[in-house]
Amino acid sequence: MESKPIEIFKYGKPFELESGKTLPCLDIAYHTYGQLNENKDNCIWVCHALTANSDVADWWPHTVEKDAFLDPDKYFIVCANILGSCYGTTGPTSENPETGSPYYSDFPLVTIRDVVKAHRLLANHLGIEKIFSLIGASVGGFQALEWAATYPEEIGSMVLIATEAEASPWAVAIDETQRMAIFSDSTYGERRRDAGAAGLATARALGLLTYRGPYGYNNTQKNHPDFNALEGTHHRAQTYQRYQGEKLVKRFDAYSYVSILNMFDTHNIGRDRGGVEKVLSEMRMPVLVVGITTDIIFTPDYMKWLADSMPNSDYREIDSPFGHDGFLVEHEILNKIIKEFFSNLKR
């Protein structure tokens, strides 16, 4: 499906954050596909992952098309860019109206709960009172779980892919290692958008190791049979790491990356609610939980536990060599299992 123009919802009032700080105003970038029906019961809301944007058709191939699980002929599909990002929603590189210059390091801490609060403003603006299905993979699943925990009556069903209910020590350690790479760049902190670029490239290369894992790398980054390391050429895996780091630098910035990593680490649906297990046990909507066999961030064992912790859930597993990034690659099996899940729901 061809990409659609980005839209911006402007919230002109002060937006109070969970930290107690306030943004003077708020922009939320979003994309929609299809039409909201007369009964307003066909909305699928997609929560995107770490550095994605609101254009689902762009970053999730073969999902927003006819006969896919995000079929715009059947559903009204919405995806909104998260707070702290650099794709149109208010973040560190946005202009602070109180100073007339970008926030950069002055951008306050935002949490997953703040993202949900912001996106509910957009849902209200779009006339959406109840979501047929809330879909989130990775950090998108954080948002979906938080939304369902805070406003369960608004969510008809959920699809959770390779995610968790609370940022684990392992995931936080991955984030901290990436922050360390960025902070080691002496330019980080300078008030310009390209500050910390070298550190950001290294952070991305580190993160990618956990997204793909050994199976992914060993299947896709093998050297040519004639490769000879003694000749001074680079291993294919070396050039891949550098390419991926440079690729992110061209489309993202270090300030937004740090902001989102910090937001990631605040995730805990059980905070001030009696704990994760209690919150999960109270989620009554139908839930499809999808794990990936080679995911080393959100492991299959954890995903099975997550499914077992909710009273009306079904667990499915994707056998993929691509690790955590399997959710971006294995669209055929995702289409099959999510469409099957939807077929058993009643709107």
C-alpha atoms as a PDB file:
ATOM      1  CA  MET A   1       0.000   0.000   0.000  1.00  0.00           C
ATOM      2  CA  GLU A   2       1.274   3.475  -0.841  1.00  0.00           C
ATOM      3  CA  SER A   3       2.249   5.691   2.057  1.00  0.00           C
ATOM      4  CA  LYS A   4      -0.312   8.285   3.097  1.00  0.00           C
ATOM      5  CA  PRO A   5       0.372  11.877   4.139  1.00  0.00           C
ATOM      6  CA  ILE A   6       1.156  12.427   7.782  1.00  0.00           C
ATOM      7  CA  GLU A   7      -1.431  14.295   9.864  1.00  0.00           C
ATOM      8  CA  ILE A   8      -0.796  16.374  12.980  1.00  0.00           C
ATOM      9  CA  PHE A   9      -3.212  16.746  15.877  1.00  0.00           C
ATOM     10  CA  LYS A  10      -2.432  19.926  17.781  1.00  0.00           C
ATOM     11  CA  TYR A  11      -3.388  20.036  21.434  1.00  0.00           C
ATOM     12  CA  GLY A  12      -3.058  23.664  22.404  1.00  0.00           C
ATOM     13  CA  LYS A  13      -3.381  23.252  26.158  1.00  0.00           C
ATOM     14  CA  PRO A  14      -0.726  22.400  28.749  1.00  0.00           C
ATOM     15  CA  PHE A  15      -0.090  18.659  28.938  1.00  0.00           C
ATOM     16  CA  GLU A  16       0.860  17.441  32.411  1.00  0.00           C
ATOM     17  CA  LEU A  17       3.290  14.529  32.524  1.00  0.00           C
ATOM     18  CA  GLU A  18       3.437  11.721  35.053  1.00  0.00           C
ATOM     19  CA  SER A  19       6.622  13.271  36.453  1.00  0.00           C
ATOM     20  CA  GLY A  20       4.688  16.406  37.415  1.00  0.00           C
ATOM     21  CA  LYS A  21       6.308  18.524  34.718  1.00  0.00           C
ATOM     22  CA  THR A  22       4.229  20.091  31.954  1.00  0.00           C
ATOM     23  CA  LEU A  23       4.593  20.487  28.203  1.00  0.00           C
ATOM     24  CA  PRO A  24       3.156  23.893  27.172  1.00  0.00           C
ATOM     25  CA  CYS A  25       1.373  22.264  24.228  1.00  0.00           C
ATOM     26  CA  LEU A  26       1.432  19.017  22.316  1.00  0.00           C
ATOM     27  CA  ASP A  27       1.619  17.838  18.702  1.00  0.00           C
ATOM     28  CA  ILE A  28       0.769  14.229  17.827  1.00  0.00           C
ATOM     29  CA  ALA A  29       1.676  12.907  14.387  1.00  0.00           C
ATOM     30  CA  TYR A  30      -0.521  10.111  13.079  1.00  0.00           C
ATOM     31  CA  HIS A  31      -1.646   8.114  10.054  1.00  0.00           C
ATOM     32  CA  THR A  32      -5.028   6.555   9.346  1.00  0.00           C
ATOM     33  CA  TYR A  33      -6.100   3.985   6.773  1.00  0.00           C
ATOM     34  CA  GLY A  34      -9.669   3.051   5.864  1.00  0.00           C
ATOM     35  CA  GLN A  35     -12.795   4.624   7.326  1.00  0.00           C
ATOM     36  CA  LEU A  36     -14.478   4.580  10.722  1.00  0.00           C
ATOM     37  CA  ASN A  37     -17.819   2.859  10.190  1.00  0.00           C
ATOM     38  CA  GLU A  38     -21.221   4.135  11.275  1.00  0.00           C
ATOM     39  CA  ASN A  39     -21.183   2.082  14.473  1.00  0.00           C
ATOM     40  CA  LYS A  40     -17.640   3.235  15.253  1.00  0.00           C
ATOM     41  CA  ASP A  41     -16.646  -0.319  16.127  1.00  0.00           C
ATOM     42  CA  ASN A  42     -14.019  -1.142  13.487  1.00  0.00           C
ATOM     43  CA  CYS A  43     -10.947   0.707  14.789  1.00  0.00           C
ATOM     44  CA  ILE A  44      -7.638  -1.122  15.026  1.00  0.00           C
ATOM     45  CA  TRP A  45      -5.036   0.964  16.843  1.00  0.00           C
ATOM     46  CA  VAL A  46      -1.404   0.041  16.142  1.00  0.00           C
ATOM     47  CA  CYS A  47       1.207   1.022  18.723  1.00  0.00           C
ATOM     48  CA  HIS A  48       4.624   1.261  17.074  1.00  0.00           C
ATOM     49  CA  ALA A  49       8.032   0.158  18.336  1.00  0.00           C
ATOM     50  CA  LEU A  50      11.152   2.066  19.377  1.00  0.00           C
ATOM     51  CA  THR A  51      12.266   4.117  16.341  1.00  0.00           C
ATOM     52  CA  ALA A  52       9.326   3.551  13.989  1.00  0.00           C
ATOM     53  CA  ASN A  53       6.959   6.258  12.796  1.00  0.00           C
ATOM     54  CA  SER A  54       3.193   6.442  12.432  1.00  0.00           C
ATOM     55  CA  ASP A  55       3.156   5.137   8.848  1.00  0.00           C
ATOM     56  CA  VAL A  56       2.507   1.448   9.494  1.00  0.00           C
ATOM     57  CA  ALA A  57       2.399   0.626   5.792  1.00  0.00           C
ATOM     58  CA  ASP A  58       5.981   1.885   5.546  1.00  0.00           C
ATOM     59  CA  TRP A  59       7.633  -0.058   8.377  1.00  0.00           C
ATOM     60  CA  TRP A  60       5.408  -3.176   8.602  1.00  0.00           C
ATOM     61  CA  PRO A  61       5.388  -4.605   5.067  1.00  0.00           C
ATOM     62  CA  HIS A  62       2.390  -6.559   3.759  1.00  0.00           C
ATOM     63  CA  THR A  63       0.199  -5.880   6.775  1.00  0.00           C
ATOM     64  CA  VAL A  64      -1.774  -2.819   5.630  1.00  0.00           C
ATOM     65  CA  GLU A  65      -3.365  -4.222   2.507  1.00  0.00           C
ATOM     66  CA  LYS A  66      -6.433  -6.089   1.308  1.00  0.00           C
ATOM     67  CA  ASP A  67      -6.920  -9.461   3.034  1.00  0.00           C
ATOM     68  CA  ALA A  68      -4.145  -8.743   5.545  1.00  0.00           C
ATOM     69  CA  PHE A  69      -4.891  -8.331   9.263  1.00  0.00           C
ATOM     70  CA  LEU A  70      -4.771  -4.541   8.788  1.00  0.00           C
ATOM     71  CA  ASP A  71      -7.210  -4.520   5.875  1.00  0.00           C
ATOM     72  CA  PRO A  72      -8.272  -0.906   5.220  1.00  0.00           C
ATOM     73  CA  ASP A  73     -11.387  -2.153   3.431  1.00  0.00           C
ATOM     74  CA  LYS A  74     -12.614  -3.613   6.728  1.00  0.00           C
ATOM     75  CA  TYR A  75     -11.001  -1.573   9.469  1.00  0.00           C
ATOM     76  CA  PHE A  76     -10.189   1.979  10.441  1.00  0.00           C
ATOM     77  CA  ILE A  77      -6.494   1.696  11.247  1.00  0.00           C
ATOM     78  CA  VAL A  78      -4.751   4.329  13.364  1.00  0.00           C
ATOM     79  CA  CYS A  79      -1.111   4.640  14.349  1.00  0.00           C
ATOM     80  CA  ALA A  80       0.249   7.619  16.273  1.00  0.00           C
ATOM     81  CA  ASN A  81       3.885   8.585  16.758  1.00  0.00           C
ATOM     82  CA  ILE A  82       5.030   8.403  20.388  1.00  0.00           C
ATOM     83  CA  LEU A  83       6.106  11.235  22.646  1.00  0.00           C
ATOM     84  CA  GLY A  84       9.844  11.844  22.583  1.00  0.00           C
ATOM     85  CA  SER A  85      10.233  10.736  18.976  1.00  0.00           C
ATOM     86  CA  CYS A  86      11.317  12.888  16.036  1.00  0.00           C
ATOM     87  CA  TYR A  87       8.613  11.991  13.522  1.00  0.00           C
ATOM     88  CA  GLY A  88       6.147  14.784  14.192  1.00  0.00           C
ATOM     89  CA  THR A  89       5.060  14.225  17.789  1.00  0.00           C
ATOM     90  CA  THR A  90       6.499  16.554  20.418  1.00  0.00           C
ATOM     91  CA  GLY A  91      10.004  15.461  21.388  1.00  0.00           C
ATOM     92  CA  PRO A  92      13.511  16.767  22.135  1.00  0.00           C
ATOM     93  CA  THR A  93      14.013  18.313  18.686  1.00  0.00           C
ATOM     94  CA  SER A  94      10.631  20.076  18.744  1.00  0.00           C
ATOM     95  CA  GLU A  95      10.546  23.786  19.401  1.00  0.00           C
ATOM     96  CA  ASN A  96       9.813  24.724  22.984  1.00  0.00           C
ATOM     97  CA  PRO A  97       7.263  27.554  22.594  1.00  0.00           C
ATOM     98  CA  GLU A  98       8.467  29.095  25.832  1.00  0.00           C
ATOM     99  CA  THR A  99      12.026  29.580  24.513  1.00  0.00           C
ATOM    100  CA  GLY A 100      11.616  29.562  20.723  1.00  0.00           C
ATOM    101  CA  SER A 101      14.344  26.915  20.326  1.00  0.00           C
ATOM    102  CA  PRO A 102      14.398  23.096  20.422  1.00  0.00           C
ATOM    103  CA  TYR A 103      14.268  21.322  23.781  1.00  0.00           C
ATOM    104  CA  TYR A 104      17.245  19.013  23.182  1.00  0.00           C
ATOM    105  CA  SER A 105      18.489  17.868  26.624  1.00  0.00           C
ATOM    106  CA  ASP A 106      15.865  19.995  28.368  1.00  0.00           C
ATOM    107  CA  PHE A 107      13.048  17.755  27.162  1.00  0.00           C
ATOM    108  CA  PRO A 108      11.453  16.264  30.283  1.00  0.00           C
ATOM    109  CA  LEU A 109      11.137  12.575  31.083  1.00  0.00           C
ATOM    110  CA  VAL A 110       8.074  11.040  29.457  1.00  0.00           C
ATOM    111  CA  THR A 111       6.641   7.663  30.391  1.00  0.00           C
ATOM    112  CA  ILE A 112       4.577   4.978  28.694  1.00  0.00           C
ATOM    113  CA  ARG A 113       1.600   6.284  30.665  1.00  0.00           C
ATOM    114  CA  ASP A 114       2.165   9.730  29.204  1.00  0.00           C
ATOM    115  CA  VAL A 115       2.103   8.225  25.702  1.00  0.00           C
ATOM    116  CA  VAL A 116      -1.234   6.525  26.399  1.00  0.00           C
ATOM    117  CA  LYS A 117      -2.653   9.723  27.865  1.00  0.00           C
ATOM    118  CA  ALA A 118      -1.606  11.656  24.751  1.00  0.00           C
ATOM    119  CA  HIS A 119      -2.948   9.080  22.321  1.00  0.00           C
ATOM    120  CA  ARG A 120      -6.308   9.016  24.073  1.00  0.00           C
ATOM    121  CA  LEU A 121      -6.580  12.725  23.273  1.00  0.00           C
ATOM    122  CA  LEU A 122      -6.115  11.818  19.618  1.00  0.00           C
ATOM    123  CA  ALA A 123      -8.659   8.985  19.857  1.00  0.00           C
ATOM    124  CA  ASN A 124     -11.207  11.419  21.238  1.00  0.00           C
ATOM    125  CA  HIS A 125     -10.386  13.868  18.439  1.00  0.00           C
ATOM    126  CA  LEU A 126     -11.033  11.104  15.876  1.00  0.00           C
ATOM    127  CA  GLY A 127     -14.352  10.130  17.457  1.00  0.00           C
ATOM    128  CA  ILE A 128     -13.123   6.729  18.656  1.00  0.00           C
ATOM    129  CA  GLU A 129     -14.857   5.585  21.827  1.00  0.00           C
ATOM    130  CA  LYS A 130     -13.864   1.914  21.754  1.00  0.00           C
ATOM    131  CA  ILE A 131     -11.033   0.133  19.978  1.00  0.00           C
ATOM    132  CA  PHE A 132     -11.889  -3.162  18.288  1.00  0.00           C
ATOM    133  CA  SER A 133      -8.304  -4.348  18.681  1.00  0.00           C
ATOM    134  CA  LEU A 134      -5.181  -2.756  20.116  1.00  0.00           C
ATOM    135  CA  ILE A 135      -2.006  -4.131  18.516  1.00  0.00           C
ATOM    136  CA  GLY A 136       1.501  -3.642  19.840  1.00  0.00           C
ATOM    137  CA  ALA A 137       4.845  -5.292  19.238  1.00  0.00           C
ATOM    138  CA  SER A 138       7.941  -4.624  21.347  1.00  0.00           C
ATOM    139  CA  VAL A 139       7.628  -1.131  22.887  1.00  0.00           C
ATOM    140  CA  GLY A 140       4.279  -0.938  21.120  1.00  0.00           C
ATOM    141  CA  GLY A 141       3.144  -3.765  23.364  1.00  0.00           C
ATOM    142  CA  PHE A 142       4.161  -1.674  26.386  1.00  0.00           C
ATOM    143  CA  GLN A 143       1.718   0.997  25.227  1.00  0.00           C
ATOM    144  CA  ALA A 144      -1.046  -1.519  24.531  1.00  0.00           C
ATOM    145  CA  LEU A 145      -0.727  -3.135  27.959  1.00  0.00           C
ATOM    146  CA  GLU A 146      -0.665   0.234  29.697  1.00  0.00           C
ATOM    147  CA  TRP A 147      -3.762   1.407  27.800  1.00  0.00           C
ATOM    148  CA  ALA A 148      -5.610  -1.799  28.673  1.00  0.00           C
ATOM    149  CA  ALA A 149      -4.531  -1.537  32.312  1.00  0.00           C
ATOM    150  CA  THR A 150      -5.679   2.073  32.645  1.00  0.00           C
ATOM    151  CA  TYR A 151      -8.820   2.071  30.496  1.00  0.00           C
ATOM    152  CA  PRO A 152      -9.911  -1.569  30.030  1.00  0.00           C
ATOM    153  CA  GLU A 153     -13.423  -0.577  29.025  1.00  0.00           C
ATOM    154  CA  GLU A 154     -12.046   1.093  25.880  1.00  0.00           C
ATOM    155  CA  ILE A 155     -10.298  -2.011  24.526  1.00  0.00           C
ATOM    156  CA  GLY A 156     -12.242  -4.779  22.800  1.00  0.00           C
ATOM    157  CA  SER A 157      -9.233  -7.048  22.286  1.00  0.00           C
ATOM    158  CA  MET A 158      -5.441  -6.992  22.164  1.00  0.00           C
ATOM    159  CA  VAL A 159      -2.639  -8.487  20.107  1.00  0.00           C
ATOM    160  CA  LEU A 160       0.674  -8.476  21.975  1.00  0.00           C
ATOM    161  CA  ILE A 161       3.799  -9.467  20.045  1.00  0.00           C
ATOM    162  CA  ALA A 162       7.258  -9.891  21.579  1.00  0.00           C
ATOM    163  CA  THR A 163       6.759  -7.540  24.527  1.00  0.00           C
ATOM    164  CA  GLU A 164       6.469  -7.481  28.322  1.00  0.00           C
ATOM    165  CA  ALA A 165       4.417  -6.039  31.160  1.00  0.00           C
ATOM    166  CA  GLU A 166       7.376  -4.479  32.965  1.00  0.00           C
ATOM    167  CA  ALA A 167      10.817  -3.449  31.725  1.00  0.00           C
ATOM    168  CA  SER A 168      13.037  -6.337  32.791  1.00  0.00           C
ATOM    169  CA  PRO A 169      16.565  -5.908  34.196  1.00  0.00           C
ATOM    170  CA  TRP A 170      17.880  -7.505  30.981  1.00  0.00           C
ATOM    171  CA  ALA A 171      16.038  -5.002  28.782  1.00  0.00           C
ATOM    172  CA  VAL A 172      17.084  -2.065  30.984  1.00  0.00           C
ATOM    173  CA  ALA A 173      20.704  -3.242  30.784  1.00  0.00           C
ATOM    174  CA  ILE A 174      20.483  -3.239  26.984  1.00  0.00           C
ATOM    175  CA  ASP A 175      19.115   0.307  27.095  1.00  0.00           C
ATOM    176  CA  GLU A 176      21.800   1.486  29.500  1.00  0.00           C
ATOM    177  CA  THR A 177      24.561   0.072  27.303  1.00  0.00           C
ATOM    178  CA  GLN A 178      23.182   2.037  24.374  1.00  0.00           C
ATOM    179  CA  ARG A 179      22.978   5.209  26.476  1.00  0.00           C
ATOM    180  CA  MET A 180      26.580   4.703  27.551  1.00  0.00           C
ATOM    181  CA  ALA A 181      27.584   4.594  23.879  1.00  0.00           C
ATOM    182  CA  ILE A 182      25.765   7.863  23.188  1.00  0.00           C
ATOM    183  CA  PHE A 183      27.074   9.619  26.284  1.00  0.00           C
ATOM    184  CA  SER A 184      30.638   8.626  25.362  1.00  0.00           C
ATOM    185  CA  ASP A 185      30.334  10.835  22.277  1.00  0.00           C
ATOM    186  CA  SER A 186      31.759  14.187  23.416  1.00  0.00           C
ATOM    187  CA  THR A 187      29.391  16.093  21.114  1.00  0.00           C
ATOM    188  CA  TYR A 188      26.295  14.823  22.900  1.00  0.00           C
ATOM    189  CA  GLY A 189      24.775  17.698  24.841  1.00  0.00           C
ATOM    190  CA  GLU A 190      25.605  20.327  22.236  1.00  0.00           C
ATOM    191  CA  ARG A 191      22.489  22.163  21.128  1.00  0.00           C
ATOM    192  CA  ARG A 192      22.295  20.881  17.577  1.00  0.00           C
ATOM    193  CA  ARG A 193      20.357  18.058  16.024  1.00  0.00           C
ATOM    194  CA  ASP A 194      23.379  16.045  14.881  1.00  0.00           C
ATOM    195  CA  ALA A 195      25.018  16.046  18.311  1.00  0.00           C
ATOM    196  CA  GLY A 196      25.993  12.580  19.499  1.00  0.00           C
ATOM    197  CA  ALA A 197      25.725  11.087  16.004  1.00  0.00           C
ATOM    198  CA  ALA A 198      28.725   8.762  16.359  1.00  0.00           C
ATOM    199  CA  GLY A 199      27.461   7.555  19.716  1.00  0.00           C
ATOM    200  CA  LEU A 200      24.008   6.979  18.245  1.00  0.00           C
ATOM    201  CA  ALA A 201      25.469   4.839  15.449  1.00  0.00           C
ATOM    202  CA  THR A 202      27.296   2.701  18.002  1.00  0.00           C
ATOM    203  CA  ALA A 203      24.182   2.434  20.164  1.00  0.00           C
ATOM    204  CA  ARG A 204      22.187   1.212  17.199  1.00  0.00           C
ATOM    205  CA  ALA A 205      24.803  -1.379  16.325  1.00  0.00           C
ATOM    206  CA  LEU A 206      24.722  -2.636  19.916  1.00  0.00           C
ATOM    207  CA  GLY A 207      20.936  -2.751  19.954  1.00  0.00           C
ATOM    208  CA  LEU A 208      20.802  -4.623  16.688  1.00  0.00           C
ATOM    209  CA  LEU A 209      22.753  -7.500  18.199  1.00  0.00           C
ATOM    210  CA  THR A 210      19.846  -8.090  20.570  1.00  0.00           C
ATOM    211  CA  TYR A 211      17.152  -7.507  17.922  1.00  0.00           C
ATOM    212  CA  ARG A 212      18.524 -10.151  15.545  1.00  0.00           C
ATOM    213  CA  GLY A 213      20.538 -12.447  17.832  1.00  0.00           C
ATOM    214  CA  PRO A 214      23.025 -15.127  16.770  1.00  0.00           C
ATOM    215  CA  TYR A 215      20.648 -17.050  14.523  1.00  0.00           C
ATOM    216  CA  GLY A 216      19.753 -13.965  12.541  1.00  0.00           C
ATOM    217  CA  TYR A 217      23.349 -12.904  12.048  1.00  0.00           C
ATOM    218  CA  ASN A 218      24.673 -16.360  11.283  1.00  0.00           C
ATOM    219  CA  ASN A 219      21.962 -16.866   8.673  1.00  0.00           C
ATOM    220  CA  THR A 220      22.287 -13.535   6.887  1.00  0.00           C
ATOM    221  CA  GLN A 221      25.803 -12.157   7.419  1.00  0.00           C
ATOM    222  CA  LYS A 222      28.061 -14.993   6.314  1.00  0.00           C
ATOM    223  CA  ASN A 223      31.122 -14.021   4.314  1.00  0.00           C
ATOM    224  CA  HIS A 224      31.465 -14.961   0.654  1.00  0.00           C
ATOM    225  CA  PRO A 225      33.245 -18.343   0.270  1.00  0.00           C
ATOM    226  CA  ASP A 226      36.274 -16.559  -1.225  1.00  0.00           C
ATOM    227  CA  PHE A 227      36.585 -14.107   1.701  1.00  0.00           C
ATOM    228  CA  ASN A 228      40.067 -13.913   3.213  1.00  0.00           C
ATOM    229  CA  ALA A 229      40.420 -11.841   6.383  1.00  0.00           C
ATOM    230  CA  LEU A 230      44.198 -11.699   5.896  1.00  0.00           C
ATOM    231  CA  GLU A 231      43.709  -9.508   2.845  1.00  0.00           C
ATOM    232  CA  GLY A 232      42.476  -6.665   5.005  1.00  0.00           C
ATOM    233  CA  THR A 233      38.879  -6.578   3.794  1.00  0.00           C
ATOM    234  CA  HIS A 234      35.991  -6.302   6.210  1.00  0.00           C
ATOM    235  CA  HIS A 235      33.794  -9.158   7.309  1.00  0.00           C
ATOM    236  CA  ARG A 236      30.255  -8.836   6.007  1.00  0.00           C
ATOM    237  CA  ALA A 237      29.046  -8.575   9.618  1.00  0.00           C
ATOM    238  CA  GLN A 238      31.367  -5.600  10.182  1.00  0.00           C
ATOM    239  CA  THR A 239      30.032  -3.633   7.234  1.00  0.00           C
ATOM    240  CA  TYR A 240      26.474  -4.523   8.239  1.00  0.00           C
ATOM    241  CA  GLN A 241      26.932  -3.079  11.727  1.00  0.00           C
ATOM    242  CA  ARG A 242      28.378   0.149  10.365  1.00  0.00           C
ATOM    243  CA  TYR A 243      25.680   0.416   7.725  1.00  0.00           C
ATOM    244  CA  GLN A 244      22.892  -0.007  10.275  1.00  0.00           C
ATOM    245  CA  GLY A 245      24.403   2.600  12.588  1.00  0.00           C
ATOM    246  CA  GLU A 246      24.783   5.123   9.773  1.00  0.00           C
ATOM    247  CA  LYS A 247      21.288   4.345   8.514  1.00  0.00           C
ATOM    248  CA  LEU A 248      19.698   5.278  11.841  1.00  0.00           C
ATOM    249  CA  VAL A 249      21.749   8.475  12.129  1.00  0.00           C
ATOM    250  CA  LYS A 250      20.286   9.640   8.814  1.00  0.00           C
ATOM    251  CA  ARG A 251      16.713   9.339  10.085  1.00  0.00           C
ATOM    252  CA  PHE A 252      16.899   9.801  13.855  1.00  0.00           C
ATOM    253  CA  ASP A 253      18.752  11.837  16.486  1.00  0.00           C
ATOM    254  CA  ALA A 254      20.528  10.984  19.709  1.00  0.00           C
ATOM    255  CA  TYR A 255      18.296  13.160  21.903  1.00  0.00           C
ATOM    256  CA  SER A 256      15.126  11.404  20.761  1.00  0.00           C
ATOM    257  CA  TYR A 257      16.790   8.011  21.087  1.00  0.00           C
ATOM    258  CA  VAL A 258      17.804   8.686  24.694  1.00  0.00           C
ATOM    259  CA  SER A 259      14.337  10.033  25.477  1.00  0.00           C
ATOM    260  CA  ILE A 260      12.679   6.875  24.187  1.00  0.00           C
ATOM    261  CA  LEU A 261      15.140   4.581  25.962  1.00  0.00           C
ATOM    262  CA  ASN A 262      14.381   6.437  29.194  1.00  0.00           C
ATOM    263  CA  MET A 263      10.658   6.057  28.531  1.00  0.00           C
ATOM    264  CA  PHE A 264      11.158   2.330  27.893  1.00  0.00           C
ATOM    265  CA  ASP A 265      12.704   1.923  31.333  1.00  0.00           C
ATOM    266  CA  THR A 266       9.670   3.481  33.091  1.00  0.00           C
ATOM    267  CA  HIS A 267       7.391   0.702  31.857  1.00  0.00           C
ATOM    268  CA  ASN A 268       5.589  -1.150  34.642  1.00  0.00           C
ATOM    269  CA  ILE A 269       1.851  -1.708  34.396  1.00  0.00           C
ATOM    270  CA  GLY A 270       1.830  -2.742  38.061  1.00  0.00           C
ATOM    271  CA  ARG A 271       3.247   0.538  39.385  1.00  0.00           C
ATOM    272  CA  ASP A 272       0.890   1.903  42.076  1.00  0.00           C
ATOM    273  CA  ARG A 273      -1.684  -0.755  41.119  1.00  0.00           C
ATOM    274  CA  GLY A 274      -0.760  -3.683  43.305  1.00  0.00           C
ATOM    275  CA  GLY A 275       1.770  -5.329  41.027  1.00  0.00           C
ATOM    276  CA  VAL A 276       2.004  -6.741  37.519  1.00  0.00           C
ATOM    277  CA  GLU A 277       0.346 -10.082  38.276  1.00  0.00           C
ATOM    278  CA  LYS A 278      -2.716  -8.407  39.798  1.00  0.00           C
ATOM    279  CA  VAL A 279      -3.170  -6.077  36.828  1.00  0.00           C
ATOM    280  CA  LEU A 280      -2.793  -8.853  34.268  1.00  0.00           C
ATOM    281  CA  SER A 281      -5.279 -11.072  36.097  1.00  0.00           C
ATOM    282  CA  GLU A 282      -7.898  -8.331  35.806  1.00  0.00           C
ATOM    283  CA  MET A 283      -7.618  -7.963  32.011  1.00  0.00           C
ATOM    284  CA  ARG A 284     -10.772  -9.662  30.744  1.00  0.00           C
ATOM    285  CA  MET A 285     -10.674  -8.774  27.036  1.00  0.00           C
ATOM    286  CA  PRO A 286      -9.599 -11.438  24.509  1.00  0.00           C
ATOM    287  CA  VAL A 287      -5.833 -11.301  24.019  1.00  0.00           C
ATOM    288  CA  LEU A 288      -3.568 -12.936  21.461  1.00  0.00           C
ATOM    289  CA  VAL A 289       0.021 -13.233  22.705  1.00  0.00           C
ATOM    290  CA  VAL A 290       2.685 -13.989  20.102  1.00  0.00           C
ATOM    291  CA  GLY A 291       6.226 -15.083  20.936  1.00  0.00           C
ATOM    292  CA  ILE A 292       9.195 -15.639  18.628  1.00  0.00           C
ATOM    293  CA  THR A 293      11.374 -18.724  19.090  1.00  0.00           C
ATOM    294  CA  THR A 294      14.732 -16.927  18.795  1.00  0.00           C
ATOM    295  CA  ASP A 295      13.843 -13.658  20.543  1.00  0.00           C
ATOM    296  CA  ILE A 296      16.491 -13.028  23.210  1.00  0.00           C
ATOM    297  CA  ILE A 297      14.890  -9.806  24.516  1.00  0.00           C
ATOM    298  CA  PHE A 298      11.356 -11.049  25.195  1.00  0.00           C
ATOM    299  CA  THR A 299      11.884 -14.791  25.336  1.00  0.00           C
ATOM    300  CA  PRO A 300       9.240 -17.421  24.489  1.00  0.00           C
ATOM    301  CA  ASP A 301       9.193 -18.551  28.138  1.00  0.00           C
ATOM    302  CA  TYR A 302       8.315 -15.037  29.233  1.00  0.00           C
ATOM    303  CA  MET A 303       5.681 -14.668  26.513  1.00  0.00           C
ATOM    304  CA  LYS A 304       4.026 -17.921  27.630  1.00  0.00           C
ATOM    305  CA  TRP A 305       3.983 -16.606  31.199  1.00  0.00           C
ATOM    306  CA  LEU A 306       2.415 -13.365  30.003  1.00  0.00           C
ATOM    307  CA  ALA A 307      -0.338 -15.267  28.211  1.00  0.00           C
ATOM    308  CA  ASP A 308      -0.937 -17.524  31.216  1.00  0.00           C
ATOM    309  CA  SER A 309      -1.305 -14.462  33.456  1.00  0.00           C
ATOM    310  CA  MET A 310      -4.365 -13.152  31.593  1.00  0.00           C
ATOM    311  CA  PRO A 311      -7.687 -14.990  31.918  1.00  0.00           C
ATOM    312  CA  ASN A 312      -8.848 -14.754  28.295  1.00  0.00           C
ATOM    313  CA  SER A 313      -5.667 -15.135  26.270  1.00  0.00           C
ATOM    314  CA  ASP A 314      -4.296 -17.414  23.565  1.00  0.00           C
ATOM    315  CA  TYR A 315      -0.592 -18.020  22.947  1.00  0.00           C
ATOM    316  CA  ARG A 316       0.936 -18.564  19.532  1.00  0.00           C
ATOM    317  CA  GLU A 317       4.595 -18.851  18.604  1.00  0.00           C
ATOM    318  CA  ILE A 318       6.437 -17.913  15.424  1.00  0.00           C
ATOM    319  CA  ASP A 319       9.370 -20.106  14.462  1.00  0.00           C
ATOM    320  CA  SER A 320      11.790 -17.590  12.975  1.00  0.00           C
ATOM    321  CA  PRO A 321      15.594 -17.230  12.763  1.00  0.00           C
ATOM    322  CA  PHE A 322      15.324 -13.436  12.866  1.00  0.00           C
ATOM    323  CA  GLY A 323      15.082 -13.002  16.628  1.00  0.00           C
ATOM    324  CA  HIS A 324      13.070 -10.101  18.007  1.00  0.00           C
ATOM    325  CA  ASP A 325      12.909  -8.527  14.541  1.00  0.00           C
ATOM    326  CA  GLY A 326      10.951 -11.555  13.381  1.00  0.00           C
ATOM    327  CA  PHE A 327       7.748  -9.592  13.952  1.00  0.00           C
ATOM    328  CA  LEU A 328       8.829  -7.215  11.165  1.00  0.00           C
ATOM    329  CA  VAL A 329       9.779 -10.035   8.801  1.00  0.00           C
ATOM    330  CA  GLU A 330       7.325 -12.897   9.283  1.00  0.00           C
ATOM    331  CA  HIS A 331       4.252 -11.141   7.896  1.00  0.00           C
ATOM    332  CA  GLU A 332       2.761 -14.266   6.319  1.00  0.00           C
ATOM    333  CA  ILE A 333       2.405 -16.180   9.577  1.00  0.00           C
ATOM    334  CA  LEU A 334       1.346 -13.025  11.430  1.00  0.00           C
ATOM    335  CA  ASN A 335      -1.406 -12.408   8.903  1.00  0.00           C
ATOM    336  CA  LYS A 336      -2.595 -15.972   9.345  1.00  0.00           C
ATOM    337  CA  ILE A 337      -2.719 -16.099  13.128  1.00  0.00           C
ATOM    338  CA  ILE A 338      -4.042 -12.565  13.698  1.00  0.00           C
ATOM    339  CA  LYS A 339      -6.789 -12.935  11.077  1.00  0.00           C
ATOM    340  CA  GLU A 340      -7.766 -16.210  12.734  1.00  0.00           C
ATOM    341  CA  PHE A 341      -7.902 -14.422  16.098  1.00  0.00           C
ATOM    342  CA  PHE A 342     -10.071 -11.646  14.654  1.00  0.00           C
ATOM    343  CA  SER A 343     -12.448 -14.139  13.041  1.00  0.00           C
ATOM    344  CA  ASN A 344     -13.310 -15.479  16.493  1.00  0.00           C
ATOM    345  CA  LEU A 345     -14.157 -12.034  17.869  1.00  0.00           C
ATOM    346  CA  LYS A 346     -17.530 -10.357  17.713  1.00  0.00           C
ATOM    347  CA  ARG A 347     -17.825  -6.654  17.085  1.00  0.00           C
END
